[in-house]
Protein backbone atom coordinates (compact mmCIF):
# COMPACT_ATOMS: atom_id res chain seq x y z
CA MET A 1 28.68 346.02 98.89
CA SER A 2 27.79 342.32 98.67
CA TYR A 3 24.20 341.22 99.60
CA PHE A 4 22.45 337.85 99.88
CA CYS A 5 19.20 339.16 98.60
CA VAL A 6 17.29 336.81 96.31
CA LEU A 7 13.89 338.40 96.28
CA VAL A 8 13.04 341.72 94.73
CA VAL A 9 9.71 343.16 95.69
CA ARG A 10 7.97 345.87 93.78
CA MET A 11 7.19 348.86 95.90
CA LEU A 12 3.57 349.21 96.93
CA SER A 13 2.00 352.68 96.84
CA LEU A 14 0.66 353.54 100.29
CA PRO A 15 -1.10 356.65 101.64
CA ASN A 16 0.99 359.54 102.88
CA ASN A 17 3.88 358.41 100.68
CA PHE A 18 4.62 355.33 102.79
CA TYR A 19 6.40 352.50 101.08
CA LEU A 20 6.50 348.93 102.30
CA CYS A 21 8.92 346.32 101.26
CA LEU A 22 10.23 342.91 102.29
CA ALA A 23 13.95 342.63 102.75
CA LEU A 24 16.03 339.56 103.02
CA ASN A 25 19.31 341.02 104.27
CA SER A 26 20.48 343.54 106.83
CA GLY A 27 21.26 346.29 104.34
CA ILE A 28 19.02 348.35 102.07
CA THR A 29 19.70 348.89 98.37
CA ARG A 30 17.66 351.26 96.24
CA PHE A 31 17.67 351.62 92.48
CA HIS A 32 15.42 353.12 89.80
CA ARG A 33 14.03 351.66 86.65
CA LYS A 34 11.40 353.15 84.36
CA ASN A 35 10.37 355.76 86.89
CA ARG A 36 9.99 353.11 89.60
CA THR A 37 12.05 352.64 92.71
CA PHE A 38 13.06 349.14 93.86
CA TYR A 39 14.48 348.16 97.24
CA ILE A 40 16.25 345.08 98.50
CA MET A 41 15.61 344.95 102.20
CA SER A 42 16.71 342.72 105.07
CA LYS A 43 14.39 340.22 106.83
CA VAL A 44 13.23 343.02 109.08
CA LYS A 45 10.30 345.02 107.71
CA TYR A 46 10.66 348.79 107.32
CA TYR A 47 8.61 351.69 106.06
CA TYR A 48 9.79 355.04 104.58
CA ASP A 49 8.80 358.13 106.51
CA ALA A 50 8.55 361.01 103.99
CA GLN A 51 8.54 363.65 106.70
CA THR A 52 11.76 362.55 108.34
CA LEU A 53 13.12 361.21 105.06
CA SER A 54 14.25 358.01 106.83
CA TYR A 55 13.33 354.31 107.17
CA ARG A 56 11.59 353.15 110.28
CA LYS A 57 11.24 349.63 111.50
CA ILE A 58 7.74 348.20 111.46
CA LYS A 59 7.00 346.79 114.88
CA PRO A 60 4.59 343.84 114.62
CA LYS A 61 1.61 343.95 116.89
CA ARG A 62 1.88 341.82 120.06
CA GLY A 63 -1.44 340.08 119.47
CA ARG A 64 -0.44 339.13 115.98
CA ARG A 65 2.84 337.69 117.20
CA ILE A 66 1.10 335.62 119.86
CA GLY A 67 -1.47 334.44 117.32
CA LEU A 68 1.23 333.32 114.93
CA THR A 69 3.01 331.50 117.76
CA LEU A 70 -0.17 329.75 118.83
CA LEU A 71 -0.97 328.90 115.25
CA SER A 72 2.49 327.39 114.84
CA LEU A 73 2.11 325.37 118.03
CA PHE A 74 -1.33 324.18 116.93
CA GLY A 75 0.12 323.08 113.60
CA VAL A 76 2.87 321.18 115.35
CA PHE A 77 0.46 319.43 117.72
CA PHE A 78 -2.02 318.68 114.95
CA SER A 79 0.72 317.18 112.80
CA ALA A 80 1.91 315.08 115.76
CA PHE A 81 -1.68 313.90 116.36
CA LEU A 82 -2.04 312.85 112.72
CA LEU A 83 1.26 310.98 112.88
CA LEU A 84 0.11 309.22 116.10
CA LEU A 85 -3.15 308.14 114.48
CA ALA A 86 -1.28 306.84 111.47
CA TYR A 87 1.11 304.90 113.74
CA ILE A 88 -1.74 303.38 115.75
CA ASN A 89 -3.66 302.30 112.65
CA ILE A 90 -0.70 300.81 110.83
CA PRO A 91 -1.45 297.28 112.25
CA ASN A 92 -5.05 297.55 110.98
CA PHE A 93 -3.95 298.28 107.49
CA GLU A 94 -4.01 295.06 105.43
CA THR A 95 -2.58 294.25 102.09
CA PRO A 96 -4.53 291.85 99.83
CA LYS A 97 -2.04 289.10 100.68
CA GLU A 98 -2.48 289.65 104.41
CA ARG A 99 -6.27 289.62 104.01
CA GLU A 100 -6.08 286.29 102.18
CA LEU A 101 -3.81 284.82 104.85
CA ARG A 102 -6.18 286.01 107.58
CA ARG A 103 -9.08 284.20 105.87
CA GLU A 104 -7.02 281.00 105.64
CA ILE A 105 -6.16 281.23 109.36
CA ALA A 106 -9.84 281.68 110.23
CA GLN A 107 -10.76 278.60 108.16
CA MET A 108 -8.01 276.58 109.87
CA GLU A 109 -9.30 277.65 113.28
CA VAL A 110 -12.79 276.40 112.35
CA GLN A 111 -11.36 273.10 111.11
CA TYR A 112 -9.26 272.72 114.25
CA ASN A 113 -12.32 273.30 116.47
CA LEU A 114 -14.24 270.65 114.49
CA LEU A 115 -11.31 268.24 114.79
CA THR A 116 -11.11 268.85 118.55
CA LYS A 117 -14.85 268.22 118.90
CA LYS A 118 -14.64 264.97 116.93
CA MET A 119 -11.65 263.80 118.99
CA THR A 120 -13.56 264.53 122.21
CA GLU A 121 -16.58 262.57 120.95
CA ALA A 122 -14.37 259.67 119.86
CA GLU A 123 -12.65 259.65 123.24
CA HIS A 124 -16.04 259.58 124.99
CA VAL A 125 -17.23 256.64 122.88
CA LEU A 126 -13.99 254.74 123.49
CA ASN A 127 -14.26 255.33 127.24
CA GLN A 128 -17.80 253.94 127.27
CA LEU A 129 -16.73 250.94 125.20
CA ALA A 130 -13.76 250.32 127.50
CA HIS A 131 -16.05 250.48 130.54
CA ARG A 132 -18.41 247.87 129.05
CA ASP A 133 -15.44 245.79 127.96
CA ASN A 134 -13.92 245.61 131.45
CA ASN A 135 -17.11 245.52 133.54
CA LEU A 136 -19.44 243.49 131.35
CA TYR A 137 -17.82 241.44 128.62
CA ARG A 138 -14.68 240.39 130.47
CA THR A 139 -16.58 239.83 133.69
CA TYR A 140 -19.03 237.55 131.88
CA PHE A 141 -16.23 235.54 130.28
CA GLU A 142 -14.24 235.49 133.55
CA THR A 143 -11.10 237.10 132.16
CA ASN A 144 -8.89 239.87 133.49
CA PRO A 145 -9.79 243.49 132.60
CA ILE A 146 -7.39 245.65 130.60
CA PRO A 147 -5.67 248.20 132.91
CA GLU A 148 -6.40 251.89 132.25
CA GLU A 149 -2.66 252.59 132.01
CA GLN A 150 -2.36 250.14 129.15
CA ARG A 151 -5.31 251.65 127.28
CA LYS A 152 -4.10 255.28 127.52
CA ALA A 153 -0.34 254.84 127.61
CA GLY A 154 1.70 257.19 125.47
CA PHE A 155 4.68 256.41 123.27
CA GLY A 156 8.11 256.27 124.85
CA GLY A 157 11.55 256.48 123.32
CA VAL A 158 12.69 259.24 120.98
CA ASN A 159 10.90 262.56 120.62
CA ARG A 160 8.17 261.75 118.12
CA TYR A 161 7.18 265.38 117.68
CA ARG A 162 10.55 266.99 117.00
CA ASN A 163 9.46 267.98 113.49
CA LEU A 164 6.66 270.11 115.02
CA GLU A 165 9.00 272.32 117.04
CA GLY A 166 9.96 275.85 116.02
CA PHE A 167 6.53 277.03 114.85
CA ASP A 168 4.34 279.76 116.32
CA HIS A 169 1.87 277.18 117.64
CA SER A 170 4.22 274.26 118.30
CA ASP A 171 2.65 273.44 121.68
CA LEU A 172 -0.81 273.23 120.11
CA LEU A 173 0.43 271.05 117.25
CA LYS A 174 2.31 268.72 119.61
CA SER A 175 -0.60 268.34 122.05
CA THR A 176 -3.04 267.63 119.22
CA SER A 177 -0.71 265.07 117.61
CA GLU A 178 -0.15 263.39 120.97
CA LYS A 179 -3.91 263.18 121.61
CA LEU A 180 -4.44 261.65 118.16
CA ASP A 181 -1.69 259.09 118.82
CA ILE A 182 -3.26 258.11 122.16
CA LEU A 183 -6.69 257.77 120.53
CA SER A 184 -5.16 255.62 117.79
CA LYS A 185 -3.55 253.36 120.37
CA GLN A 186 -6.82 253.13 122.33
CA ILE A 187 -8.59 252.04 119.14
CA VAL A 188 -5.93 249.37 118.49
CA VAL A 189 -6.11 248.08 122.09
CA GLN A 190 -9.91 248.02 122.03
CA SER A 191 -9.97 246.34 118.63
CA LYS A 192 -7.70 243.55 119.88
CA SER A 193 -9.82 243.25 123.03
CA LEU A 194 -12.99 242.88 120.96
CA ASP A 195 -11.27 240.20 118.88
CA GLU A 196 -10.53 238.35 122.12
CA ILE A 197 -14.13 238.82 123.27
CA ILE A 198 -15.43 237.42 119.97
CA GLN A 199 -13.14 234.42 120.30
CA MET A 200 -14.20 233.90 123.92
CA ALA A 201 -17.85 234.23 122.90
CA MET A 202 -17.37 231.59 120.23
CA ASN A 203 -15.64 229.34 122.75
CA LYS A 204 -18.36 230.09 125.28
CA GLU A 205 -21.01 229.16 122.74
CA LYS A 206 -19.22 225.90 122.02
CA LEU A 207 -18.89 225.31 125.75
CA LEU A 208 -22.59 225.95 126.35
CA GLU A 209 -23.46 223.60 123.50
CA ALA A 210 -21.05 220.95 124.79
CA ILE A 211 -22.06 220.95 128.47
CA PRO A 212 -24.38 217.96 129.19
CA ALA A 213 -27.30 220.23 130.10
CA ILE A 214 -30.46 218.22 129.34
CA GLN A 215 -32.12 215.17 130.81
CA PRO A 216 -31.23 212.14 128.64
CA VAL A 217 -34.76 210.66 128.90
CA LYS A 218 -37.88 212.74 128.35
CA ASN A 219 -40.17 213.17 131.32
CA GLU A 220 -43.20 211.80 129.46
CA ASP A 221 -41.28 208.57 128.87
CA LEU A 222 -40.32 208.11 132.54
CA ILE A 223 -42.02 205.78 134.96
CA ARG A 224 -40.11 207.36 137.82
CA MET A 225 -36.76 208.78 138.85
CA ALA A 226 -35.61 205.75 140.79
CA SER A 227 -32.36 206.76 142.43
CA GLY A 228 -30.12 209.79 142.67
CA PHE A 229 -26.47 210.77 143.28
CA GLY A 230 -25.33 209.79 146.78
CA TYR A 231 -25.35 206.91 149.26
CA ARG A 232 -27.86 204.22 148.32
CA SER A 233 -28.58 200.60 149.20
CA ASP A 234 -27.04 198.10 146.77
CA PRO A 235 -29.87 195.97 145.24
CA PHE A 236 -27.70 192.84 145.27
CA THR A 237 -25.66 193.08 148.47
CA LYS A 238 -28.04 195.36 150.43
CA VAL A 239 -24.96 197.26 151.59
CA THR A 240 -25.10 201.05 151.60
CA LYS A 241 -22.55 202.49 149.18
CA PHE A 242 -22.10 205.57 147.07
CA HIS A 243 -24.15 205.71 143.90
CA TYR A 244 -22.28 207.86 141.34
CA GLY A 245 -25.10 208.50 138.90
CA MET A 246 -28.85 208.81 138.45
CA ASP A 247 -31.26 205.99 137.56
CA PHE A 248 -34.23 206.76 135.29
CA THR A 249 -36.85 203.99 135.21
CA ALA A 250 -38.43 203.59 131.75
CA PRO A 251 -39.73 200.79 129.52
CA THR A 252 -37.29 198.83 127.41
CA GLY A 253 -36.75 200.56 124.07
CA THR A 254 -37.38 204.09 125.42
CA PRO A 255 -35.21 206.58 123.40
CA ILE A 256 -32.07 207.99 125.03
CA TYR A 257 -30.71 211.36 123.87
CA ALA A 258 -27.25 212.93 124.00
CA SER A 259 -27.19 215.58 126.74
CA GLY A 260 -24.63 217.74 124.90
CA ASN A 261 -22.50 218.05 121.77
CA GLY A 262 -19.54 215.68 121.63
CA ILE A 263 -17.77 212.71 120.12
CA VAL A 264 -18.63 209.09 120.97
CA LEU A 265 -15.69 207.55 122.86
CA LYS A 266 -17.26 204.14 123.58
CA ALA A 267 -20.30 202.18 122.47
CA ASP A 268 -19.80 198.65 123.84
CA ASN A 269 -20.16 196.43 126.94
CA SER A 270 -16.50 196.24 127.93
CA ALA A 271 -16.90 197.91 131.36
CA ALA A 272 -17.94 195.60 134.19
CA GLY A 273 -21.44 196.16 135.52
CA TYR A 274 -22.51 198.77 132.95
CA GLY A 275 -23.62 196.30 130.27
CA ASN A 276 -24.15 198.04 126.95
CA HIS A 277 -23.06 201.61 127.52
CA ILE A 278 -22.02 204.78 125.65
CA ARG A 279 -19.42 207.39 126.64
CA ILE A 280 -19.48 210.80 124.96
CA ASP A 281 -16.58 213.24 125.22
CA HIS A 282 -18.04 216.76 125.25
CA GLY A 283 -14.72 218.56 125.51
CA TYR A 284 -13.72 221.09 128.19
CA GLY A 285 -13.20 218.13 130.56
CA TYR A 286 -16.80 216.84 130.39
CA VAL A 287 -17.73 213.19 129.67
CA SER A 288 -21.22 211.64 129.96
CA LEU A 289 -22.01 207.93 130.40
CA TYR A 290 -25.23 206.06 129.50
CA ALA A 291 -25.43 202.46 130.85
CA HIS A 292 -27.60 199.28 130.69
CA LEU A 293 -28.80 200.07 127.13
CA TYR A 294 -30.90 197.72 125.08
CA LYS A 295 -29.08 198.72 121.88
CA PHE A 296 -26.97 201.50 120.32
CA ASN A 297 -27.85 204.08 117.71
CA VAL A 298 -24.30 205.51 117.34
CA SER A 299 -20.80 204.23 116.73
CA VAL A 300 -17.36 205.12 118.13
CA GLY A 301 -15.93 208.38 116.72
CA GLN A 302 -19.30 209.71 115.66
CA LEU A 303 -20.02 213.40 116.25
CA VAL A 304 -23.33 213.87 118.02
CA ARG A 305 -25.32 216.96 118.96
CA ARG A 306 -27.42 217.70 122.00
CA GLY A 307 -30.82 216.03 121.78
CA GLU A 308 -29.70 213.49 119.16
CA LEU A 309 -30.93 209.88 119.58
CA ILE A 310 -28.00 207.68 120.70
CA GLY A 311 -29.61 204.47 122.06
CA PHE A 312 -32.49 202.80 123.86
CA VAL A 313 -33.27 201.90 127.47
CA GLY A 314 -32.52 198.28 128.48
CA SER A 315 -31.45 196.17 131.43
CA THR A 316 -28.05 194.79 130.38
CA GLY A 317 -25.18 194.34 132.82
CA ARG A 318 -25.61 194.57 136.58
CA SER A 319 -29.24 195.69 136.62
CA THR A 320 -32.48 194.69 138.34
CA GLY A 321 -34.84 196.10 135.70
CA PRO A 322 -35.14 198.35 132.64
CA HIS A 323 -33.64 201.74 133.41
CA LEU A 324 -30.96 204.21 132.32
CA HIS A 325 -27.95 204.73 134.59
CA TYR A 326 -26.55 208.21 133.78
CA GLU A 327 -23.22 209.68 134.96
CA ILE A 328 -21.21 212.86 134.29
CA PHE A 329 -17.44 213.22 134.65
CA LYS A 330 -15.58 216.53 134.95
CA ASP A 331 -11.80 216.29 134.57
CA GLY A 332 -12.04 212.59 135.44
CA GLU A 333 -14.14 213.06 138.60
CA ARG A 334 -17.78 211.99 138.85
CA ILE A 335 -20.14 214.88 139.66
CA ASN A 336 -23.87 215.15 140.37
CA PRO A 337 -25.86 215.25 137.10
CA MET A 338 -28.58 217.25 138.87
CA ASN A 339 -26.34 220.34 138.58
CA PHE A 340 -26.79 220.34 134.79
CA TYR A 341 -30.53 219.91 134.23
CA TYR A 342 -31.47 223.33 132.96
CA GLY A 343 -31.89 222.83 129.24
CA ASN A 344 -35.24 221.07 128.83
CA ILE A 345 -37.18 221.04 132.11
CA THR A 346 -39.13 223.63 134.06
CA SER A 347 -38.24 224.84 137.54
CA GLU A 348 -41.10 222.80 139.02
CA GLU A 349 -39.87 219.65 137.28
CA PHE A 350 -36.34 220.34 138.44
CA ALA A 351 -37.51 220.75 142.05
CA ARG A 352 -39.43 217.47 141.85
CA ILE A 353 -36.46 215.55 140.39
CA LEU A 354 -34.15 217.07 143.01
CA GLU A 355 -36.51 215.93 145.77
CA LEU A 356 -36.67 212.38 144.40
CA SER A 357 -32.93 212.18 143.82
CA GLN A 358 -32.23 212.98 147.47
CA GLN A 359 -34.31 210.07 148.80
CA GLU A 360 -32.13 207.33 150.29
CA ASN A 361 -33.71 204.34 148.57
CA GLN A 362 -32.37 201.31 146.79
CA SER A 363 -30.63 201.78 143.45
CA LEU A 364 -31.36 199.62 140.41
CA ASP A 365 -27.72 198.69 139.70
């Protein structure tokens, strides 16, 4: 008879001549060796009954069978629980390389937050500077403000950020790059605007220095302000006509000063009625005239500055006595010199001169 038995178990001596063995096949084989009996049994457990001289099947106890079943189920569930824990914690398990990469990412996040903060601060400063530029500087210099669309315009044309696509954080990279580009353009626009403001300030300074803004004869040297801008009685014909300048009565030889920076256009007596007179071109459309001089202290083409001595009071030409006849031209038109006396007199002196200049008296030329 052929058997699949692979395990031979030595018989165990039990009370009352019972013998227990473990069998691995359905049949039973018995043999003797050195006064010992060996059995090859099936998977079912049996015991030998000496009274009946037969083998009886050992029936396992019910409680034991249930216990083994529960123990098996517990083992299965416990193993499944361990596998579940292992599966859940797999993402938390880091290799040294992953730990290093995580530290680098954390450092990059800190640097990005710092960069974002600096960009926000720079944007705030630029906005304040743009506000002052449009509402203060350009208003003062009477020039057009820069539109907001021009300051914060983006870049058209091709996709400038194509090389940033395809990454995990492409949107973040593109938005940050775009913000940096806009800030860079704002800085360029503001820089050019400030260059214009500097140039306008320099021109404004030259303009302020060139405007004929002071009285050509000092108040302490004046006898009186004889006649102003407007209709006056002609001293020779007694006919009322328009007097295009201001007459300052002063002794012969009283110093006369340039009322603004400029270049001497004329220093002669070629114009009828003015006698010895000087014309100074101040630029920006302004020209000042000083007539009836005793003598000159400048020559044609000479550059003069405000307050510089240019001549002396006299009574040459069509004049009834020593005085200075003073006129201002703007773009070829005569204008009231009273509108420019703010450089060397007080408000009280200005009010007094204005009052005298408005009196309809007789002019001296």
